Each structure stands twice: as structure tokens, then as C-alpha cells.
Amino acid sequence: MHLHKRIIRSETTRSTLCWLAASYVRLIHATGRWRTKGGDLPAHYLTEGKPFIVAFWHQRLLMMPYTWRSVGGDRPFNMLISSHRDGEIISRTIAYFGPKTIAGSTGKDKGGAAALRQILKVLKAGEVVGMTPDGPRGPRMRASDGIIQAARMANVPIFPLTYSASNRKVLGSWDRFILPLPFSRGVYHWGDPIYVDRKLDAAGIEAKRLELENALTELTQETDSALGLKIIPPAGLDALPKQKRSSIAAGETGK
């Protein structure tokens, strides 16, 4: 058994890891100079009590609790987190900052169906849901269509969201996870909402999936570039299913 798996099976160790992670997030925020860009419209939605979905790449997960607060997010915020043991650590870390979590994914398995039902329930109640369309296992910065299906069924918009920090370490994980460093200049950056028609057919859903994927990647890379950081590219097309590769290739040809 790998050492990593042995460690996270210990309840004491998991609790300590969650506390340390939450403390580190607080340190990064307290020592940094953070500003928010593009937050007026999501703040208006919150003031009006309108539900929506927030989309961000898995690599930008760490500072999301403070990104939410940057637009006056005092309404209930739910984050979809994988139900495996690593996901539990993320969920318990996030709980230190107030957001609730929904366990599962938007996949087509039984757990995915249960998570989708919970997502629709909280959106109907006027709450907000945060999702990583490339999570929990990638490919990196390639969106699945689960988030589009959720937005279509709930009839709510999707707001792309990212953050960046001037001093950071990029880990060698599948998602190239971003670890901001203390005393950074940071930006929370909201993109324009993406609206999903409830009557979309399969082709329309795929078009919206591509629209979100491109918008979120452009937003993330633009934010990094503005701080003089090296761009992190999405996973190559060879990491995707054949049908999705063909769709993306067709979209790039049509530009």
C-alpha cells in the first residue's frame, strides 16, 4: 500500500491535514493583496436571490472560499466534491470557511445521479453551486457536459471563475494544482455568464460545453498573463475520448 493511502486512512491525520490546509489558505489571504475583477453581475444575482452555477478548473480550488466572499457571498454556497477519500479532505477543509459540500460527481453512474438530484434541489432553493468541470480526475482543463446538463435542467446561468497569485508553485499533479505563496498579489476573476437553453439537443449541449471550456480557459490564462505568469495549457486532445476530440477539432477549424 502506498504511504499516501496509509496516511489518509488515519482519522487523526486527516483532521490535522484539513486544519493545516485551512490555516494555510487563511495565511495566503491575510498576507496577500487581493482584488476582484468582474464581480458586479454575480453580486447582483446574489442580492436578487437568483441561483447560479460557478465553474472553475480543479487546479484553482484552493482559494475558492475567499473568491466567493469577494462578491459578498453570504448566501448558501455548495461545492460539488468527489466522494473518494481525497475528496473528503477537501470537503472538510472547505467547511472551515462556511460553504457546504455535495458529495459525488456529474457522471452517469448511480452516485452521479444522486449528486445531480442534490444540485437541482439546492439550486431550486435559490442557493449557488460551485463545480469543477474537469474534476475529479481530468483531463486537465477539459470540461465534461455534466455541468451543462445541470444548468439546462435547473434553468440557471454558469459563471466562469478563476483566481491567480503572483507568487505560486505549480504542482506536478494531473491538474497542475496551483499553490499560492504568501505575500502575493492576487486576483479573483469572474467571467461573463453562459446561458443554457432548456430545449438544447445533444449538438447544442456539446456546443455549450465547448463554449464553457474555451471561456474558462481564456479567463484563466488571461488572469495568469496579467500577473506575468507562465500559461498552463489544457491537456492534449489525445487525453480525450474520440468523440470529444472530433468536436474540439471541428470547433478550432471553424474559428
C-alpha atoms as a PDB file:
ATOM      1  CA  MET A   1       0.000   0.000   0.000  1.00  0.00           C
ATOM      2  CA  HIS A   2       1.311   3.465  -0.847  1.00  0.00           C
ATOM      3  CA  LEU A   3       2.337   5.681   2.079  1.00  0.00           C
ATOM      4  CA  HIS A   4      -0.149   8.355   0.917  1.00  0.00           C
ATOM      5  CA  LYS A   5      -3.073   5.927   1.258  1.00  0.00           C
ATOM      6  CA  ARG A   6      -1.933   4.687   4.663  1.00  0.00           C
ATOM      7  CA  ILE A   7      -1.675   8.243   5.961  1.00  0.00           C
ATOM      8  CA  ILE A   8      -5.121   9.454   4.868  1.00  0.00           C
ATOM      9  CA  ARG A   9      -6.809   6.368   6.357  1.00  0.00           C
ATOM     10  CA  SER A  10      -5.969   7.748   9.796  1.00  0.00           C
ATOM     11  CA  GLU A  11      -8.792   9.936  11.164  1.00  0.00           C
ATOM     12  CA  THR A  12      -6.355  11.922  13.318  1.00  0.00           C
ATOM     13  CA  THR A  13      -4.088  12.546  10.356  1.00  0.00           C
ATOM     14  CA  ARG A  14      -6.986  13.583   8.115  1.00  0.00           C
ATOM     15  CA  SER A  15      -8.248  16.053  10.711  1.00  0.00           C
ATOM     16  CA  THR A  16      -4.772  17.524  11.103  1.00  0.00           C
ATOM     17  CA  LEU A  17      -4.315  17.834   7.337  1.00  0.00           C
ATOM     18  CA  CYS A  18      -7.634  19.664   6.997  1.00  0.00           C
ATOM     19  CA  TRP A  19      -6.761  22.097   9.774  1.00  0.00           C
ATOM     20  CA  LEU A  20      -3.324  22.762   8.304  1.00  0.00           C
ATOM     21  CA  ALA A  21      -4.770  23.308   4.818  1.00  0.00           C
ATOM     22  CA  ALA A  22      -7.396  25.748   6.131  1.00  0.00           C
ATOM     23  CA  SER A  23      -4.727  27.593   8.117  1.00  0.00           C
ATOM     24  CA  TYR A  24      -2.576  27.865   5.006  1.00  0.00           C
ATOM     25  CA  VAL A  25      -5.464  29.322   2.976  1.00  0.00           C
ATOM     26  CA  ARG A  26      -6.032  31.932   5.706  1.00  0.00           C
ATOM     27  CA  LEU A  27      -2.307  32.752   5.693  1.00  0.00           C
ATOM     28  CA  ILE A  28      -2.253  33.242   1.919  1.00  0.00           C
ATOM     29  CA  HIS A  29      -5.260  35.544   2.038  1.00  0.00           C
ATOM     30  CA  ALA A  30      -4.073  37.526   5.062  1.00  0.00           C
ATOM     31  CA  THR A  31      -0.564  38.182   3.704  1.00  0.00           C
ATOM     32  CA  GLY A  32      -1.603  38.876   0.110  1.00  0.00           C
ATOM     33  CA  ARG A  33      -3.065  41.877  -1.707  1.00  0.00           C
ATOM     34  CA  TRP A  34      -6.234  40.589  -3.340  1.00  0.00           C
ATOM     35  CA  ARG A  35      -8.676  42.311  -5.662  1.00  0.00           C
ATOM     36  CA  THR A  36     -11.810  41.202  -7.503  1.00  0.00           C
ATOM     37  CA  LYS A  37     -12.455  41.673 -11.205  1.00  0.00           C
ATOM     38  CA  GLY A  38     -15.815  41.203 -12.935  1.00  0.00           C
ATOM     39  CA  GLY A  39     -17.749  40.579  -9.730  1.00  0.00           C
ATOM     40  CA  ASP A  40     -20.593  43.070 -10.211  1.00  0.00           C
ATOM     41  CA  LEU A  41     -23.028  40.757 -12.014  1.00  0.00           C
ATOM     42  CA  PRO A  42     -22.680  37.734  -9.693  1.00  0.00           C
ATOM     43  CA  ALA A  43     -23.011  40.140  -6.749  1.00  0.00           C
ATOM     44  CA  HIS A  44     -26.251  41.444  -8.308  1.00  0.00           C
ATOM     45  CA  TYR A  45     -27.531  37.879  -8.702  1.00  0.00           C
ATOM     46  CA  LEU A  46     -26.798  37.260  -5.033  1.00  0.00           C
ATOM     47  CA  THR A  47     -28.567  40.439  -3.960  1.00  0.00           C
ATOM     48  CA  GLU A  48     -31.613  39.469  -6.020  1.00  0.00           C
ATOM     49  CA  GLY A  49     -31.622  35.916  -4.656  1.00  0.00           C
ATOM     50  CA  LYS A  50     -31.073  34.353  -8.076  1.00  0.00           C
ATOM     51  CA  PRO A  51     -29.339  30.944  -8.119  1.00  0.00           C
ATOM     52  CA  PHE A  52     -26.476  30.120 -10.471  1.00  0.00           C
ATOM     53  CA  ILE A  53     -23.619  27.680 -11.030  1.00  0.00           C
ATOM     54  CA  VAL A  54     -19.960  28.681 -10.613  1.00  0.00           C
ATOM     55  CA  ALA A  55     -17.418  26.879 -12.826  1.00  0.00           C
ATOM     56  CA  PHE A  56     -13.688  26.799 -12.096  1.00  0.00           C
ATOM     57  CA  TRP A  57     -10.872  24.450 -13.041  1.00  0.00           C
ATOM     58  CA  HIS A  58      -9.813  21.893 -10.444  1.00  0.00           C
ATOM     59  CA  GLN A  59      -6.320  23.411 -10.226  1.00  0.00           C
ATOM     60  CA  ARG A  60      -7.839  26.655  -8.825  1.00  0.00           C
ATOM     61  CA  LEU A  61      -9.749  25.032  -5.983  1.00  0.00           C
ATOM     62  CA  LEU A  62      -7.675  26.232  -3.033  1.00  0.00           C
ATOM     63  CA  MET A  63      -8.774  29.886  -2.759  1.00  0.00           C
ATOM     64  CA  MET A  64     -12.384  29.445  -3.860  1.00  0.00           C
ATOM     65  CA  PRO A  65     -13.889  30.106  -0.384  1.00  0.00           C
ATOM     66  CA  TYR A  66     -12.386  33.618  -0.401  1.00  0.00           C
ATOM     67  CA  THR A  67     -13.295  34.153  -4.048  1.00  0.00           C
ATOM     68  CA  TRP A  68     -16.897  33.564  -3.037  1.00  0.00           C
ATOM     69  CA  ARG A  69     -16.649  36.068  -0.198  1.00  0.00           C
ATOM     70  CA  SER A  70     -15.180  38.669  -2.574  1.00  0.00           C
ATOM     71  CA  VAL A  71     -18.635  39.336  -4.071  1.00  0.00           C
ATOM     72  CA  GLY A  72     -20.472  39.465  -0.763  1.00  0.00           C
ATOM     73  CA  GLY A  73     -21.390  35.798  -0.843  1.00  0.00           C
ATOM     74  CA  ASP A  74     -23.409  35.425   2.338  1.00  0.00           C
ATOM     75  CA  ARG A  75     -25.980  33.185   0.632  1.00  0.00           C
ATOM     76  CA  PRO A  76     -25.535  29.385   0.941  1.00  0.00           C
ATOM     77  CA  PHE A  77     -22.730  28.161  -1.321  1.00  0.00           C
ATOM     78  CA  ASN A  78     -22.444  24.454  -2.163  1.00  0.00           C
ATOM     79  CA  MET A  79     -19.399  22.872  -3.767  1.00  0.00           C
ATOM     80  CA  LEU A  80     -19.516  19.570  -5.615  1.00  0.00           C
ATOM     81  CA  ILE A  81     -16.653  17.463  -4.269  1.00  0.00           C
ATOM     82  CA  SER A  82     -15.667  13.906  -5.141  1.00  0.00           C
ATOM     83  CA  SER A  83     -16.792  11.306  -2.615  1.00  0.00           C
ATOM     84  CA  HIS A  84     -13.437   9.462  -2.502  1.00  0.00           C
ATOM     85  CA  ARG A  85     -11.074   9.878   0.466  1.00  0.00           C
ATOM     86  CA  ASP A  86      -9.091  12.772  -1.051  1.00  0.00           C
ATOM     87  CA  GLY A  87     -12.413  14.493  -1.697  1.00  0.00           C
ATOM     88  CA  GLU A  88     -13.303  14.118   1.980  1.00  0.00           C
ATOM     89  CA  ILE A  89     -10.163  16.030   2.936  1.00  0.00           C
ATOM     90  CA  ILE A  90     -11.089  18.841   0.524  1.00  0.00           C
ATOM     91  CA  SER A  91     -14.661  18.889   1.819  1.00  0.00           C
ATOM     92  CA  ARG A  92     -13.613  19.114   5.459  1.00  0.00           C
ATOM     93  CA  THR A  93     -11.077  21.840   4.669  1.00  0.00           C
ATOM     94  CA  ILE A  94     -13.706  23.908   2.848  1.00  0.00           C
ATOM     95  CA  ALA A  95     -16.073  23.518   5.806  1.00  0.00           C
ATOM     96  CA  TYR A  96     -13.792  25.786   7.868  1.00  0.00           C
ATOM     97  CA  PHE A  97     -14.903  28.670   5.631  1.00  0.00           C
ATOM     98  CA  GLY A  98     -18.639  28.040   5.597  1.00  0.00           C
ATOM     99  CA  PRO A  99     -19.510  26.510   2.185  1.00  0.00           C
ATOM    100  CA  LYS A 100     -21.435  23.245   2.202  1.00  0.00           C
ATOM    101  CA  THR A 101     -20.439  20.318   0.019  1.00  0.00           C
ATOM    102  CA  ILE A 102     -22.279  17.893  -2.236  1.00  0.00           C
ATOM    103  CA  ALA A 103     -20.544  14.521  -2.457  1.00  0.00           C
ATOM    104  CA  GLY A 104     -20.215  12.896  -5.872  1.00  0.00           C
ATOM    105  CA  SER A 105     -19.772  13.967  -9.475  1.00  0.00           C
ATOM    106  CA  THR A 106     -21.900  14.700 -12.502  1.00  0.00           C
ATOM    107  CA  GLY A 107     -21.011  11.375 -14.108  1.00  0.00           C
ATOM    108  CA  LYS A 108     -23.556   8.862 -15.329  1.00  0.00           C
ATOM    109  CA  ASP A 109     -23.132   6.360 -12.504  1.00  0.00           C
ATOM    110  CA  LYS A 110     -25.507   5.936  -9.567  1.00  0.00           C
ATOM    111  CA  GLY A 111     -23.538   8.372  -7.426  1.00  0.00           C
ATOM    112  CA  GLY A 112     -23.640  10.933 -10.210  1.00  0.00           C
ATOM    113  CA  ALA A 113     -27.424  10.730 -10.403  1.00  0.00           C
ATOM    114  CA  ALA A 114     -27.714  11.317  -6.652  1.00  0.00           C
ATOM    115  CA  ALA A 115     -25.350  14.299  -6.827  1.00  0.00           C
ATOM    116  CA  LEU A 116     -27.339  15.769  -9.724  1.00  0.00           C
ATOM    117  CA  ARG A 117     -30.558  15.490  -7.746  1.00  0.00           C
ATOM    118  CA  GLN A 118     -28.952  17.326  -4.826  1.00  0.00           C
ATOM    119  CA  ILE A 119     -27.566  20.022  -7.145  1.00  0.00           C
ATOM    120  CA  LEU A 120     -31.015  20.641  -8.633  1.00  0.00           C
ATOM    121  CA  LYS A 121     -32.549  20.705  -5.149  1.00  0.00           C
ATOM    122  CA  VAL A 122     -30.247  23.418  -3.788  1.00  0.00           C
ATOM    123  CA  LEU A 123     -30.496  25.496  -6.976  1.00  0.00           C
ATOM    124  CA  LYS A 124     -34.284  25.330  -6.771  1.00  0.00           C
ATOM    125  CA  ALA A 125     -33.971  26.596  -3.188  1.00  0.00           C
ATOM    126  CA  GLY A 126     -32.154  29.677  -4.505  1.00  0.00           C
ATOM    127  CA  GLU A 127     -28.647  28.629  -3.483  1.00  0.00           C
ATOM    128  CA  VAL A 128     -25.440  28.565  -5.529  1.00  0.00           C
ATOM    129  CA  VAL A 129     -23.364  25.558  -6.610  1.00  0.00           C
ATOM    130  CA  GLY A 130     -19.654  25.527  -7.432  1.00  0.00           C
ATOM    131  CA  MET A 131     -18.350  22.835  -9.796  1.00  0.00           C
ATOM    132  CA  THR A 132     -15.040  21.830 -11.378  1.00  0.00           C
ATOM    133  CA  PRO A 133     -15.991  20.691 -14.890  1.00  0.00           C
ATOM    134  CA  ASP A 134     -12.675  18.823 -15.259  1.00  0.00           C
ATOM    135  CA  GLY A 135     -12.829  17.168 -11.855  1.00  0.00           C
ATOM    136  CA  PRO A 136     -12.265  14.989 -10.038  1.00  0.00           C
ATOM    137  CA  ARG A 137      -9.736  13.229 -12.274  1.00  0.00           C
ATOM    138  CA  GLY A 138      -9.436  15.175 -15.518  1.00  0.00           C
ATOM    139  CA  PRO A 139      -8.347  15.509 -18.210  1.00  0.00           C
ATOM    140  CA  ARG A 140      -6.983  18.880 -17.130  1.00  0.00           C
ATOM    141  CA  MET A 141      -8.966  21.937 -18.246  1.00  0.00           C
ATOM    142  CA  ARG A 142     -11.328  19.876 -20.402  1.00  0.00           C
ATOM    143  CA  ALA A 143     -14.975  20.287 -19.438  1.00  0.00           C
ATOM    144  CA  SER A 144     -17.430  17.430 -19.118  1.00  0.00           C
ATOM    145  CA  ASP A 145     -21.018  18.025 -20.156  1.00  0.00           C
ATOM    146  CA  GLY A 146     -22.418  17.302 -16.679  1.00  0.00           C
ATOM    147  CA  ILE A 147     -22.284  20.961 -15.679  1.00  0.00           C
ATOM    148  CA  ILE A 148     -24.153  21.929 -18.858  1.00  0.00           C
ATOM    149  CA  GLN A 149     -26.847  19.350 -18.150  1.00  0.00           C
ATOM    150  CA  ALA A 150     -27.248  20.677 -14.611  1.00  0.00           C
ATOM    151  CA  ALA A 151     -27.569  24.274 -15.819  1.00  0.00           C
ATOM    152  CA  ARG A 152     -30.046  23.213 -18.506  1.00  0.00           C
ATOM    153  CA  MET A 153     -32.247  21.256 -16.109  1.00  0.00           C
ATOM    154  CA  ALA A 154     -32.180  23.975 -13.418  1.00  0.00           C
ATOM    155  CA  ASN A 155     -32.516  26.821 -15.946  1.00  0.00           C
ATOM    156  CA  VAL A 156     -29.683  28.824 -14.348  1.00  0.00           C
ATOM    157  CA  PRO A 157     -26.586  30.505 -15.846  1.00  0.00           C
ATOM    158  CA  ILE A 158     -22.991  29.364 -15.382  1.00  0.00           C
ATOM    159  CA  PHE A 159     -20.420  31.937 -14.241  1.00  0.00           C
ATOM    160  CA  PRO A 160     -16.798  31.090 -15.151  1.00  0.00           C
ATOM    161  CA  LEU A 161     -14.454  31.898 -12.275  1.00  0.00           C
ATOM    162  CA  THR A 162     -10.734  31.759 -11.615  1.00  0.00           C
ATOM    163  CA  TYR A 163      -8.051  33.225  -9.409  1.00  0.00           C
ATOM    164  CA  SER A 164      -4.349  33.802  -9.775  1.00  0.00           C
ATOM    165  CA  ALA A 165      -1.478  34.765  -7.482  1.00  0.00           C
ATOM    166  CA  SER A 166       1.792  36.428  -8.476  1.00  0.00           C
ATOM    167  CA  ASN A 167       3.873  34.036  -6.342  1.00  0.00           C
ATOM    168  CA  ARG A 168       2.953  30.405  -6.673  1.00  0.00           C
ATOM    169  CA  LYS A 169       4.090  26.836  -7.065  1.00  0.00           C
ATOM    170  CA  VAL A 170       2.571  24.643  -9.772  1.00  0.00           C
ATOM    171  CA  LEU A 171       2.408  21.054  -8.556  1.00  0.00           C
ATOM    172  CA  GLY A 172       3.058  18.060 -10.794  1.00  0.00           C
ATOM    173  CA  SER A 173      -0.422  16.583 -10.289  1.00  0.00           C
ATOM    174  CA  TRP A 174      -2.770  15.716 -13.173  1.00  0.00           C
ATOM    175  CA  ASP A 175      -4.460  19.136 -12.870  1.00  0.00           C
ATOM    176  CA  ARG A 176      -1.248  21.148 -12.285  1.00  0.00           C
ATOM    177  CA  PHE A 177      -2.658  22.275  -8.946  1.00  0.00           C
ATOM    178  CA  ILE A 178      -1.880  25.884  -8.024  1.00  0.00           C
ATOM    179  CA  LEU A 179      -0.355  26.518  -4.605  1.00  0.00           C
ATOM    180  CA  PRO A 180      -0.210  30.296  -3.962  1.00  0.00           C
ATOM    181  CA  LEU A 181       2.635  31.534  -1.791  1.00  0.00           C
ATOM    182  CA  PRO A 182       2.492  34.159   0.976  1.00  0.00           C
ATOM    183  CA  PHE A 183       2.787  37.879   0.202  1.00  0.00           C
ATOM    184  CA  SER A 184       1.381  37.559  -3.304  1.00  0.00           C
ATOM    185  CA  ARG A 185      -0.623  39.929  -5.443  1.00  0.00           C
ATOM    186  CA  GLY A 186      -3.838  38.068  -6.187  1.00  0.00           C
ATOM    187  CA  VAL A 187      -6.872  38.414  -8.445  1.00  0.00           C
ATOM    188  CA  TYR A 188     -10.300  36.829  -8.186  1.00  0.00           C
ATOM    189  CA  HIS A 189     -11.657  36.999 -11.743  1.00  0.00           C
ATOM    190  CA  TRP A 190     -15.287  36.380 -12.760  1.00  0.00           C
ATOM    191  CA  GLY A 191     -16.226  35.874 -16.395  1.00  0.00           C
ATOM    192  CA  ASP A 192     -19.421  36.615 -18.313  1.00  0.00           C
ATOM    193  CA  PRO A 193     -22.320  34.237 -17.615  1.00  0.00           C
ATOM    194  CA  ILE A 194     -23.121  31.417 -20.006  1.00  0.00           C
ATOM    195  CA  TYR A 195     -26.827  30.754 -20.512  1.00  0.00           C
ATOM    196  CA  VAL A 196     -28.065  27.270 -21.361  1.00  0.00           C
ATOM    197  CA  ASP A 197     -31.417  26.832 -23.131  1.00  0.00           C
ATOM    198  CA  ARG A 198     -33.586  24.086 -21.620  1.00  0.00           C
ATOM    199  CA  LYS A 199     -34.531  22.829 -25.097  1.00  0.00           C
ATOM    200  CA  LEU A 200     -30.994  22.123 -26.327  1.00  0.00           C
ATOM    201  CA  ASP A 201     -30.414  18.873 -28.198  1.00  0.00           C
ATOM    202  CA  ALA A 202     -27.193  16.824 -27.986  1.00  0.00           C
ATOM    203  CA  ALA A 203     -25.406  19.033 -30.513  1.00  0.00           C
ATOM    204  CA  GLY A 204     -26.433  22.166 -28.647  1.00  0.00           C
ATOM    205  CA  ILE A 205     -25.206  20.740 -25.338  1.00  0.00           C
ATOM    206  CA  GLU A 206     -21.841  19.938 -26.898  1.00  0.00           C
ATOM    207  CA  ALA A 207     -21.618  23.470 -28.298  1.00  0.00           C
ATOM    208  CA  LYS A 208     -22.266  24.912 -24.829  1.00  0.00           C
ATOM    209  CA  ARG A 209     -19.714  22.548 -23.293  1.00  0.00           C
ATOM    210  CA  LEU A 210     -17.119  23.878 -25.713  1.00  0.00           C
ATOM    211  CA  GLU A 211     -18.200  27.460 -25.055  1.00  0.00           C
ATOM    212  CA  LEU A 212     -17.680  26.994 -21.321  1.00  0.00           C
ATOM    213  CA  GLU A 213     -14.376  25.168 -21.767  1.00  0.00           C
ATOM    214  CA  ASN A 214     -12.988  27.902 -24.016  1.00  0.00           C
ATOM    215  CA  ALA A 215     -14.312  30.744 -21.864  1.00  0.00           C
ATOM    216  CA  LEU A 216     -12.905  29.290 -18.656  1.00  0.00           C
ATOM    217  CA  THR A 217      -9.511  28.544 -20.206  1.00  0.00           C
ATOM    218  CA  GLU A 218      -9.265  32.027 -21.734  1.00  0.00           C
ATOM    219  CA  LEU A 219     -10.270  33.650 -18.440  1.00  0.00           C
ATOM    220  CA  THR A 220      -7.697  31.620 -16.504  1.00  0.00           C
ATOM    221  CA  GLN A 221      -4.878  32.227 -18.965  1.00  0.00           C
ATOM    222  CA  GLU A 222      -5.695  35.937 -19.247  1.00  0.00           C
ATOM    223  CA  THR A 223      -5.571  36.280 -15.463  1.00  0.00           C
ATOM    224  CA  ASP A 224      -2.230  34.483 -15.251  1.00  0.00           C
ATOM    225  CA  SER A 225      -0.770  36.544 -18.109  1.00  0.00           C
ATOM    226  CA  ALA A 226      -1.765  39.811 -16.430  1.00  0.00           C
ATOM    227  CA  LEU A 227       0.437  38.817 -13.470  1.00  0.00           C
ATOM    228  CA  GLY A 228       3.325  37.806 -15.724  1.00  0.00           C
ATOM    229  CA  LEU A 229       2.887  34.103 -15.059  1.00  0.00           C
ATOM    230  CA  LYS A 230       3.551  31.170 -17.348  1.00  0.00           C
ATOM    231  CA  ILE A 231       0.441  29.845 -19.075  1.00  0.00           C
ATOM    232  CA  ILE A 232      -0.777  26.371 -18.123  1.00  0.00           C
ATOM    233  CA  PRO A 233      -2.231  24.654 -21.214  1.00  0.00           C
ATOM    234  CA  PRO A 234      -5.167  22.219 -21.201  1.00  0.00           C
ATOM    235  CA  ALA A 235      -4.475  18.507 -21.538  1.00  0.00           C
ATOM    236  CA  GLY A 236      -3.751  17.454 -25.104  1.00  0.00           C
ATOM    237  CA  LEU A 237      -6.523  16.143 -27.323  1.00  0.00           C
ATOM    238  CA  ASP A 238      -5.060  12.643 -27.117  1.00  0.00           C
ATOM    239  CA  ALA A 239      -6.266  12.521 -23.486  1.00  0.00           C
ATOM    240  CA  LEU A 240      -9.898  12.912 -24.565  1.00  0.00           C
ATOM    241  CA  PRO A 241     -12.497  10.470 -25.874  1.00  0.00           C
ATOM    242  CA  LYS A 242     -12.599  10.245 -29.669  1.00  0.00           C
ATOM    243  CA  GLN A 243     -15.974  11.985 -29.988  1.00  0.00           C
ATOM    244  CA  LYS A 244     -14.862  14.931 -27.886  1.00  0.00           C
ATOM    245  CA  ARG A 245     -11.580  15.204 -29.835  1.00  0.00           C
ATOM    246  CA  SER A 246     -13.523  15.459 -33.054  1.00  0.00           C
ATOM    247  CA  SER A 247     -15.822  18.119 -31.608  1.00  0.00           C
ATOM    248  CA  ILE A 248     -12.948  20.280 -30.391  1.00  0.00           C
ATOM    249  CA  ALA A 249     -11.045  19.879 -33.662  1.00  0.00           C
ATOM    250  CA  ALA A 250     -14.123  20.928 -35.610  1.00  0.00           C
ATOM    251  CA  GLY A 251     -14.567  23.969 -33.369  1.00  0.00           C
ATOM    252  CA  GLU A 252     -10.946  25.045 -33.808  1.00  0.00           C
ATOM    253  CA  THR A 253     -11.207  24.618 -37.573  1.00  0.00           C
ATOM    254  CA  GLY A 254     -14.240  26.858 -37.644  1.00  0.00           C
ATOM    255  CA  LYS A 255     -12.536  29.743 -35.852  1.00  0.00           C
END
